[in-house]
PDB file of N, CA and C in Angstrom:
ATOM      1  N   MET A   1      28.325 -44.447  38.535  1.00  0.00           N
ATOM      2  CA  MET A   1      29.353 -45.435  38.798  1.00  0.00           C
ATOM      3  C   MET A   1      29.961 -45.863  37.475  1.00  0.00           C
ATOM      4  N   HIS A   2      31.271 -45.937  37.478  1.00  0.00           N
ATOM      5  CA  HIS A   2      31.983 -46.354  36.276  1.00  0.00           C
ATOM      6  C   HIS A   2      32.283 -47.845  36.341  1.00  0.00           C
ATOM      7  N   LYS A   3      32.614 -48.411  35.193  1.00  0.00           N
ATOM      8  CA  LYS A   3      32.867 -49.849  35.084  1.00  0.00           C
ATOM      9  C   LYS A   3      33.938 -50.308  36.066  1.00  0.00           C
ATOM     10  N   HIS A   4      35.026 -49.560  36.159  1.00  0.00           N
ATOM     11  CA  HIS A   4      36.116 -49.960  37.067  1.00  0.00           C
ATOM     12  C   HIS A   4      35.651 -49.975  38.523  1.00  0.00           C
ATOM     13  N   GLU A   5      34.854 -49.002  38.908  1.00  0.00           N
ATOM     14  CA  GLU A   5      34.330 -48.956  40.278  1.00  0.00           C
ATOM     15  C   GLU A   5      33.434 -50.169  40.548  1.00  0.00           C
ATOM     16  N   ALA A   6      32.621 -50.535  39.571  1.00  0.00           N
ATOM     17  CA  ALA A   6      31.728 -51.689  39.736  1.00  0.00           C
ATOM     18  C   ALA A   6      32.530 -52.981  39.876  1.00  0.00           C
ATOM     19  N   ILE A   7      33.563 -53.141  39.063  1.00  0.00           N
ATOM     20  CA  ILE A   7      34.397 -54.350  39.148  1.00  0.00           C
ATOM     21  C   ILE A   7      35.050 -54.434  40.529  1.00  0.00           C
ATOM     22  N   LEU A   8      35.606 -53.330  40.989  1.00  0.00           N
ATOM     23  CA  LEU A   8      36.261 -53.319  42.297  1.00  0.00           C
ATOM     24  C   LEU A   8      35.273 -53.600  43.427  1.00  0.00           C
ATOM     25  N   GLU A   9      34.042 -53.118  43.290  1.00  0.00           N
ATOM     26  CA  GLU A   9      33.030 -53.368  44.325  1.00  0.00           C
ATOM     27  C   GLU A   9      32.585 -54.834  44.337  1.00  0.00           C
ATOM     28  N   LEU A  10      32.489 -55.436  43.159  1.00  0.00           N
ATOM     29  CA  LEU A  10      32.000 -56.812  43.069  1.00  0.00           C
ATOM     30  C   LEU A  10      33.057 -57.875  43.349  1.00  0.00           C
ATOM     31  N   TYR A  11      34.309 -57.567  43.058  1.00  0.00           N
ATOM     32  CA  TYR A  11      35.362 -58.582  43.130  1.00  0.00           C
ATOM     33  C   TYR A  11      36.477 -58.126  44.067  1.00  0.00           C
ATOM     34  N   SER A  12      36.477 -58.662  45.274  1.00  0.00           N
ATOM     35  CA  SER A  12      37.441 -58.237  46.292  1.00  0.00           C
ATOM     36  C   SER A  12      38.872 -58.645  45.963  1.00  0.00           C
ATOM     37  N   THR A  13      39.055 -59.593  45.078  1.00  0.00           N
ATOM     38  CA  THR A  13      40.416 -60.023  44.718  1.00  0.00           C
ATOM     39  C   THR A  13      41.071 -59.104  43.686  1.00  0.00           C
ATOM     40  N   VAL A  14      40.291 -58.214  43.084  1.00  0.00           N
ATOM     41  CA  VAL A  14      40.841 -57.308  42.076  1.00  0.00           C
ATOM     42  C   VAL A  14      41.588 -56.175  42.782  1.00  0.00           C
ATOM     43  N   ALA A  15      42.852 -56.012  42.396  1.00  0.00           N
ATOM     44  CA  ALA A  15      43.680 -54.950  42.976  1.00  0.00           C
ATOM     45  C   ALA A  15      43.767 -53.738  42.058  1.00  0.00           C
ATOM     46  N   TYR A  16      43.775 -53.992  40.745  1.00  0.00           N
ATOM     47  CA  TYR A  16      43.836 -52.893  39.785  1.00  0.00           C
ATOM     48  C   TYR A  16      43.301 -53.351  38.437  1.00  0.00           C
ATOM     49  N   ILE A  17      43.009 -52.368  37.592  1.00  0.00           N
ATOM     50  CA  ILE A  17      42.421 -52.644  36.280  1.00  0.00           C
ATOM     51  C   ILE A  17      43.161 -51.811  35.237  1.00  0.00           C
ATOM     52  N   LYS A  18      43.501 -52.464  34.142  1.00  0.00           N
ATOM     53  CA  LYS A  18      44.091 -51.772  32.992  1.00  0.00           C
ATOM     54  C   LYS A  18      43.195 -52.051  31.805  1.00  0.00           C
ATOM     55  N   GLY A  19      42.642 -50.997  31.233  1.00  0.00           N
ATOM     56  CA  GLY A  19      41.694 -51.180  30.136  1.00  0.00           C
ATOM     57  C   GLY A  19      40.483 -51.934  30.633  1.00  0.00           C
ATOM     58  N   ASP A  20      40.207 -53.087  30.037  1.00  0.00           N
ATOM     59  CA  ASP A  20      39.092 -53.930  30.452  1.00  0.00           C
ATOM     60  C   ASP A  20      39.555 -55.178  31.187  1.00  0.00           C
ATOM     61  N   THR A  21      40.830 -55.233  31.547  1.00  0.00           N
ATOM     62  CA  THR A  21      41.379 -56.415  32.206  1.00  0.00           C
ATOM     63  C   THR A  21      41.638 -56.113  33.680  1.00  0.00           C
ATOM     64  N   ALA A  22      41.162 -57.006  34.539  1.00  0.00           N
ATOM     65  CA  ALA A  22      41.330 -56.870  35.989  1.00  0.00           C
ATOM     66  C   ALA A  22      42.452 -57.791  36.453  1.00  0.00           C
ATOM     67  N   TYR A  23      43.197 -57.323  37.466  1.00  0.00           N
ATOM     68  CA  TYR A  23      44.329 -58.085  37.990  1.00  0.00           C
ATOM     69  C   TYR A  23      44.283 -58.131  39.512  1.00  0.00           C
ATOM     70  N   ASP A  24      44.834 -59.225  40.074  1.00  0.00           N
ATOM     71  CA  ASP A  24      44.961 -59.309  41.523  1.00  0.00           C
ATOM     72  C   ASP A  24      46.298 -58.694  41.943  1.00  0.00           C
ATOM     73  N   VAL A  25      46.615 -58.743  43.235  1.00  0.00           N
ATOM     74  CA  VAL A  25      47.829 -58.094  43.742  1.00  0.00           C
ATOM     75  C   VAL A  25      49.106 -58.703  43.162  1.00  0.00           C
ATOM     76  N   ASP A  26      49.033 -59.942  42.696  1.00  0.00           N
ATOM     77  CA  ASP A  26      50.211 -60.604  42.117  1.00  0.00           C
ATOM     78  C   ASP A  26      50.327 -60.393  40.611  1.00  0.00           C
ATOM     79  N   GLY A  27      49.404 -59.637  40.041  1.00  0.00           N
ATOM     80  CA  GLY A  27      49.436 -59.379  38.608  1.00  0.00           C
ATOM     81  C   GLY A  27      48.744 -60.432  37.768  1.00  0.00           C
ATOM     82  N   ASN A  28      48.049 -61.370  38.415  1.00  0.00           N
ATOM     83  CA  ASN A  28      47.305 -62.397  37.694  1.00  0.00           C
ATOM     84  C   ASN A  28      45.971 -61.836  37.225  1.00  0.00           C
ATOM     85  N   GLU A  29      45.573 -62.208  36.035  1.00  0.00           N
ATOM     86  CA  GLU A  29      44.297 -61.735  35.501  1.00  0.00           C
ATOM     87  C   GLU A  29      43.139 -62.337  36.292  1.00  0.00           C
ATOM     88  N   VAL A  30      42.159 -61.511  36.595  1.00  0.00           N
ATOM     89  CA  VAL A  30      40.957 -61.948  37.304  1.00  0.00           C
ATOM     90  C   VAL A  30      39.784 -61.802  36.341  1.00  0.00           C
ATOM     91  N   SER A  31      39.064 -62.905  36.110  1.00  0.00           N
ATOM     92  CA  SER A  31      37.900 -62.822  35.223  1.00  0.00           C
ATOM     93  C   SER A  31      36.708 -62.283  36.009  1.00  0.00           C
ATOM     94  N   TYR A  32      35.824 -61.613  35.302  1.00  0.00           N
ATOM     95  CA  TYR A  32      34.631 -61.059  35.941  1.00  0.00           C
ATOM     96  C   TYR A  32      33.445 -61.214  35.005  1.00  0.00           C
ATOM     97  N   ASP A  33      32.267 -61.174  35.575  1.00  0.00           N
ATOM     98  CA  ASP A  33      31.019 -61.328  34.837  1.00  0.00           C
ATOM     99  C   ASP A  33      30.551 -59.940  34.380  1.00  0.00           C
ATOM    100  N   GLN A  34      30.642 -59.679  33.088  1.00  0.00           N
ATOM    101  CA  GLN A  34      30.276 -58.369  32.543  1.00  0.00           C
ATOM    102  C   GLN A  34      28.813 -58.040  32.818  1.00  0.00           C
ATOM    103  N   THR A  35      27.943 -59.044  32.775  1.00  0.00           N
ATOM    104  CA  THR A  35      26.520 -58.810  33.044  1.00  0.00           C
ATOM    105  C   THR A  35      26.323 -58.332  34.475  1.00  0.00           C
ATOM    106  N   ALA A  36      27.024 -58.939  35.421  1.00  0.00           N
ATOM    107  CA  ALA A  36      26.920 -58.514  36.821  1.00  0.00           C
ATOM    108  C   ALA A  36      27.430 -57.085  36.987  1.00  0.00           C
ATOM    109  N   VAL A  37      28.498 -56.759  36.299  1.00  0.00           N
ATOM    110  CA  VAL A  37      29.052 -55.403  36.348  1.00  0.00           C
ATOM    111  C   VAL A  37      28.042 -54.412  35.781  1.00  0.00           C
ATOM    112  N   ASP A  38      27.475 -54.727  34.624  1.00  0.00           N
ATOM    113  CA  ASP A  38      26.483 -53.844  34.001  1.00  0.00           C
ATOM    114  C   ASP A  38      25.260 -53.665  34.891  1.00  0.00           C
ATOM    115  N   ASN A  39      24.793 -54.754  35.507  1.00  0.00           N
ATOM    116  CA  ASN A  39      23.629 -54.681  36.392  1.00  0.00           C
ATOM    117  C   ASN A  39      23.895 -53.797  37.602  1.00  0.00           C
ATOM    118  N   LEU A  40      25.086 -53.875  38.165  1.00  0.00           N
ATOM    119  CA  LEU A  40      25.428 -53.036  39.310  1.00  0.00           C
ATOM    120  C   LEU A  40      25.454 -51.568  38.904  1.00  0.00           C
ATOM    121  N   ILE A  41      26.003 -51.274  37.742  1.00  0.00           N
ATOM    122  CA  ILE A  41      26.055 -49.889  37.256  1.00  0.00           C
ATOM    123  C   ILE A  41      24.638 -49.337  37.086  1.00  0.00           C
ATOM    124  N   VAL A  42      23.753 -50.105  36.471  1.00  0.00           N
ATOM    125  CA  VAL A  42      22.367 -49.673  36.268  1.00  0.00           C
ATOM    126  C   VAL A  42      21.670 -49.476  37.607  1.00  0.00           C
ATOM    127  N   SER A  43      21.887 -50.399  38.532  1.00  0.00           N
ATOM    128  CA  SER A  43      21.260 -50.316  39.851  1.00  0.00           C
ATOM    129  C   SER A  43      21.718 -49.079  40.615  1.00  0.00           C
ATOM    130  N   LYS A  44      23.008 -48.812  40.590  1.00  0.00           N
ATOM    131  CA  LYS A  44      23.542 -47.638  41.299  1.00  0.00           C
ATOM    132  C   LYS A  44      23.029 -46.355  40.650  1.00  0.00           C
ATOM    133  N   GLN A  45      22.950 -46.327  39.323  1.00  0.00           N
ATOM    134  CA  GLN A  45      22.469 -45.134  38.630  1.00  0.00           C
ATOM    135  C   GLN A  45      21.011 -44.874  38.989  1.00  0.00           C
ATOM    136  N   TYR A  46      20.218 -45.932  39.067  1.00  0.00           N
ATOM    137  CA  TYR A  46      18.803 -45.820  39.444  1.00  0.00           C
ATOM    138  C   TYR A  46      18.678 -45.199  40.830  1.00  0.00           C
ATOM    139  N   ILE A  47      19.505 -45.657  41.763  1.00  0.00           N
ATOM    140  CA  ILE A  47      19.464 -45.128  43.127  1.00  0.00           C
ATOM    141  C   ILE A  47      19.846 -43.651  43.146  1.00  0.00           C
ATOM    142  N   GLU A  48      20.846 -43.277  42.357  1.00  0.00           N
ATOM    143  CA  GLU A  48      21.270 -41.872  42.296  1.00  0.00           C
ATOM    144  C   GLU A  48      20.209 -40.988  41.655  1.00  0.00           C
ATOM    145  N   ASP A  49      19.540 -41.487  40.629  1.00  0.00           N
ATOM    146  CA  ASP A  49      18.586 -40.674  39.869  1.00  0.00           C
ATOM    147  C   ASP A  49      17.225 -40.541  40.536  1.00  0.00           C
ATOM    148  N   ARG A  50      16.796 -41.550  41.274  1.00  0.00           N
ATOM    149  CA  ARG A  50      15.447 -41.558  41.843  1.00  0.00           C
ATOM    150  C   ARG A  50      15.453 -40.829  43.183  1.00  0.00           C
ATOM    151  N   VAL A  51      15.417 -39.509  43.102  1.00  0.00           N
ATOM    152  CA  VAL A  51      15.481 -38.672  44.299  1.00  0.00           C
ATOM    153  C   VAL A  51      14.095 -38.085  44.564  1.00  0.00           C
ATOM    154  N   TYR A  52      13.589 -38.372  45.747  1.00  0.00           N
ATOM    155  CA  TYR A  52      12.292 -37.850  46.164  1.00  0.00           C
ATOM    156  C   TYR A  52      12.479 -36.523  46.896  1.00  0.00           C
ATOM    157  N   PRO A  53      11.404 -35.730  46.981  1.00  0.00           N
ATOM    158  CA  PRO A  53      11.485 -34.526  47.812  1.00  0.00           C
ATOM    159  C   PRO A  53      11.837 -34.919  49.249  1.00  0.00           C
ATOM    160  N   SER A  54      12.408 -33.978  49.991  1.00  0.00           N
ATOM    161  CA  SER A  54      12.769 -34.265  51.377  1.00  0.00           C
ATOM    162  C   SER A  54      11.524 -34.634  52.183  1.00  0.00           C
ATOM    163  N   ILE A  55      11.733 -35.286  53.310  1.00  0.00           N
ATOM    164  CA  ILE A  55      10.611 -35.668  54.179  1.00  0.00           C
ATOM    165  C   ILE A  55       9.828 -34.419  54.605  1.00  0.00           C
ATOM    166  N   GLN A  56      10.545 -33.353  54.914  1.00  0.00           N
ATOM    167  CA  GLN A  56       9.873 -32.113  55.322  1.00  0.00           C
ATOM    168  C   GLN A  56       8.976 -31.600  54.193  1.00  0.00           C
ATOM    169  N   GLU A  57       9.487 -31.620  52.967  1.00  0.00           N
ATOM    170  CA  GLU A  57       8.681 -31.166  51.824  1.00  0.00           C
ATOM    171  C   GLU A  57       7.472 -32.077  51.610  1.00  0.00           C
ATOM    172  N   GLN A  58       7.683 -33.383  51.770  1.00  0.00           N
ATOM    173  CA  GLN A  58       6.574 -34.315  51.585  1.00  0.00           C
ATOM    174  C   GLN A  58       5.494 -34.111  52.641  1.00  0.00           C
ATOM    175  N   LEU A  59       5.917 -33.905  53.879  1.00  0.00           N
ATOM    176  CA  LEU A  59       4.932 -33.672  54.944  1.00  0.00           C
ATOM    177  C   LEU A  59       4.164 -32.380  54.699  1.00  0.00           C
ATOM    178  N   ASP A  60       4.858 -31.355  54.234  1.00  0.00           N
ATOM    179  CA  ASP A  60       4.183 -30.099  53.926  1.00  0.00           C
ATOM    180  C   ASP A  60       3.176 -30.291  52.789  1.00  0.00           C
ATOM    181  N   MET A  61       3.567 -31.052  51.752  1.00  0.00           N
ATOM    182  CA  MET A  61       2.640 -31.346  50.657  1.00  0.00           C
ATOM    183  C   MET A  61       1.415 -32.087  51.171  1.00  0.00           C
ATOM    184  N   GLN A  62       1.640 -33.080  52.034  1.00  0.00           N
ATOM    185  CA  GLN A  62       0.528 -33.864  52.569  1.00  0.00           C
ATOM    186  C   GLN A  62      -0.416 -32.997  53.405  1.00  0.00           C
ATOM    187  N   TYR A  63       0.160 -32.108  54.195  1.00  0.00           N
ATOM    188  CA  TYR A  63      -0.667 -31.215  55.010  1.00  0.00           C
ATOM    189  C   TYR A  63      -1.558 -30.356  54.109  1.00  0.00           C
ATOM    190  N   TRP A  64      -0.938 -29.704  53.119  1.00  0.00           N
ATOM    191  CA  TRP A  64      -1.708 -28.815  52.259  1.00  0.00           C
ATOM    192  C   TRP A  64      -2.669 -29.591  51.358  1.00  0.00           C
ATOM    193  N   ASP A  65      -2.332 -30.826  51.004  1.00  0.00           N
ATOM    194  CA  ASP A  65      -3.286 -31.662  50.265  1.00  0.00           C
ATOM    195  C   ASP A  65      -4.522 -31.929  51.113  1.00  0.00           C
ATOM    196  N   ALA A  66      -4.310 -32.215  52.416  1.00  0.00           N
ATOM    197  CA  ALA A  66      -5.435 -32.479  53.319  1.00  0.00           C
ATOM    198  C   ALA A  66      -6.282 -31.223  53.506  1.00  0.00           C
ATOM    199  N   VAL A  67      -5.643 -30.078  53.614  1.00  0.00           N
ATOM    200  CA  VAL A  67      -6.357 -28.816  53.806  1.00  0.00           C
ATOM    201  C   VAL A  67      -7.123 -28.418  52.547  1.00  0.00           C
ATOM    202  N   ASN A  68      -6.464 -28.565  51.393  1.00  0.00           N
ATOM    203  CA  ASN A  68      -7.035 -28.063  50.137  1.00  0.00           C
ATOM    204  C   ASN A  68      -7.728 -29.112  49.279  1.00  0.00           C
ATOM    205  N   GLY A  69      -7.642 -30.381  49.691  1.00  0.00           N
ATOM    206  CA  GLY A  69      -8.252 -31.447  48.893  1.00  0.00           C
ATOM    207  C   GLY A  69      -7.524 -31.674  47.573  1.00  0.00           C
ATOM    208  N   THR A  70      -6.210 -31.436  47.558  1.00  0.00           N
ATOM    209  CA  THR A  70      -5.406 -31.604  46.345  1.00  0.00           C
ATOM    210  C   THR A  70      -4.613 -32.907  46.399  1.00  0.00           C
ATOM    211  N   THR A  71      -3.869 -33.178  45.350  1.00  0.00           N
ATOM    212  CA  THR A  71      -3.064 -34.405  45.286  1.00  0.00           C
ATOM    213  C   THR A  71      -1.597 -34.082  44.952  1.00  0.00           C
ATOM    214  N   THR A  72      -1.106 -32.975  45.440  1.00  0.00           N
ATOM    215  CA  THR A  72       0.261 -32.531  45.135  1.00  0.00           C
ATOM    216  C   THR A  72       1.293 -33.585  45.516  1.00  0.00           C
ATOM    217  N   TRP A  73       1.167 -34.165  46.707  1.00  0.00           N
ATOM    218  CA  TRP A  73       2.145 -35.151  47.179  1.00  0.00           C
ATOM    219  C   TRP A  73       2.133 -36.393  46.287  1.00  0.00           C
ATOM    220  N   LYS A  74       0.939 -36.952  46.047  1.00  0.00           N
ATOM    221  CA  LYS A  74       0.843 -38.138  45.196  1.00  0.00           C
ATOM    222  C   LYS A  74       1.383 -37.856  43.803  1.00  0.00           C
ATOM    223  N   ASP A  75       1.102 -36.682  43.275  1.00  0.00           N
ATOM    224  CA  ASP A  75       1.581 -36.311  41.943  1.00  0.00           C
ATOM    225  C   ASP A  75       3.100 -36.217  41.910  1.00  0.00           C
ATOM    226  N   ALA A  76       3.691 -35.627  42.949  1.00  0.00           N
ATOM    227  CA  ALA A  76       5.148 -35.473  43.005  1.00  0.00           C
ATOM    228  C   ALA A  76       5.837 -36.833  43.070  1.00  0.00           C
ATOM    229  N   ILE A  77       5.316 -37.726  43.903  1.00  0.00           N
ATOM    230  CA  ILE A  77       5.908 -39.065  44.041  1.00  0.00           C
ATOM    231  C   ILE A  77       5.736 -39.847  42.735  1.00  0.00           C
ATOM    232  N   ALA A  78       4.558 -39.762  42.136  1.00  0.00           N
ATOM    233  CA  ALA A  78       4.305 -40.462  40.878  1.00  0.00           C
ATOM    234  C   ALA A  78       5.233 -39.960  39.773  1.00  0.00           C
ATOM    235  N   GLN A  79       5.526 -38.661  39.775  1.00  0.00           N
ATOM    236  CA  GLN A  79       6.408 -38.100  38.747  1.00  0.00           C
ATOM    237  C   GLN A  79       7.832 -38.629  38.890  1.00  0.00           C
ATOM    238  N   VAL A  80       8.328 -38.717  40.124  1.00  0.00           N
ATOM    239  CA  VAL A  80       9.676 -39.266  40.356  1.00  0.00           C
ATOM    240  C   VAL A  80       9.735 -40.708  39.870  1.00  0.00           C
ATOM    241  N   LYS A  81       8.710 -41.480  40.192  1.00  0.00           N
ATOM    242  CA  LYS A  81       8.670 -42.881  39.763  1.00  0.00           C
ATOM    243  C   LYS A  81       8.561 -43.000  38.245  1.00  0.00           C
ATOM    244  N   ALA A  82       7.779 -42.148  37.610  1.00  0.00           N
ATOM    245  CA  ALA A  82       7.632 -42.188  36.162  1.00  0.00           C
ATOM    246  C   ALA A  82       8.912 -41.784  35.453  1.00  0.00           C
ATOM    247  N   ASP A  83       9.596 -40.791  36.004  1.00  0.00           N
ATOM    248  CA  ASP A  83      10.831 -40.303  35.389  1.00  0.00           C
ATOM    249  C   ASP A  83      12.007 -41.260  35.580  1.00  0.00           C
ATOM    250  N   ASN A  84      11.933 -42.098  36.609  1.00  0.00           N
ATOM    251  CA  ASN A  84      13.032 -43.011  36.926  1.00  0.00           C
ATOM    252  C   ASN A  84      12.498 -44.391  37.278  1.00  0.00           C
ATOM    253  N   PRO A  85      12.000 -45.131  36.283  1.00  0.00           N
ATOM    254  CA  PRO A  85      11.429 -46.456  36.562  1.00  0.00           C
ATOM    255  C   PRO A  85      12.505 -47.426  37.055  1.00  0.00           C
ATOM    256  N   LYS A  86      12.063 -48.371  37.876  1.00  0.00           N
ATOM    257  CA  LYS A  86      12.984 -49.397  38.359  1.00  0.00           C
ATOM    258  C   LYS A  86      13.529 -50.180  37.182  1.00  0.00           C
ATOM    259  N   PRO A  87      14.843 -50.476  37.197  1.00  0.00           N
ATOM    260  CA  PRO A  87      15.385 -51.300  36.120  1.00  0.00           C
ATOM    261  C   PRO A  87      14.833 -52.713  36.217  1.00  0.00           C
ATOM    262  N   SER A  88      14.597 -53.323  35.075  1.00  0.00           N
ATOM    263  CA  SER A  88      14.103 -54.702  35.084  1.00  0.00           C
ATOM    264  C   SER A  88      15.251 -55.630  35.437  1.00  0.00           C
ATOM    265  N   GLU A  89      14.911 -56.673  36.131  1.00  0.00           N
ATOM    266  CA  GLU A  89      15.958 -57.613  36.577  1.00  0.00           C
ATOM    267  C   GLU A  89      15.903 -58.869  35.770  1.00  0.00           C
TER     268      GLU A  89
END
């Protein structure tokens, strides 16, 4: 997600953006909270990056873990979480 997309998602009165300045439909400047914009960008990126194996793949891992006494499923989930930690709030 880009900065402009985050501003538009957070502020319904914003009609367009030029550079770092947001405007409403009448051309009036609309102020926005940069921290809120940055937090939304980080949150959306986290959601995009933290991709788990499909449910079918996870069920297959769990089945074979039960049959073989392995921890493939737990390891795969732990790796996704380690590679993409939740952003601090």
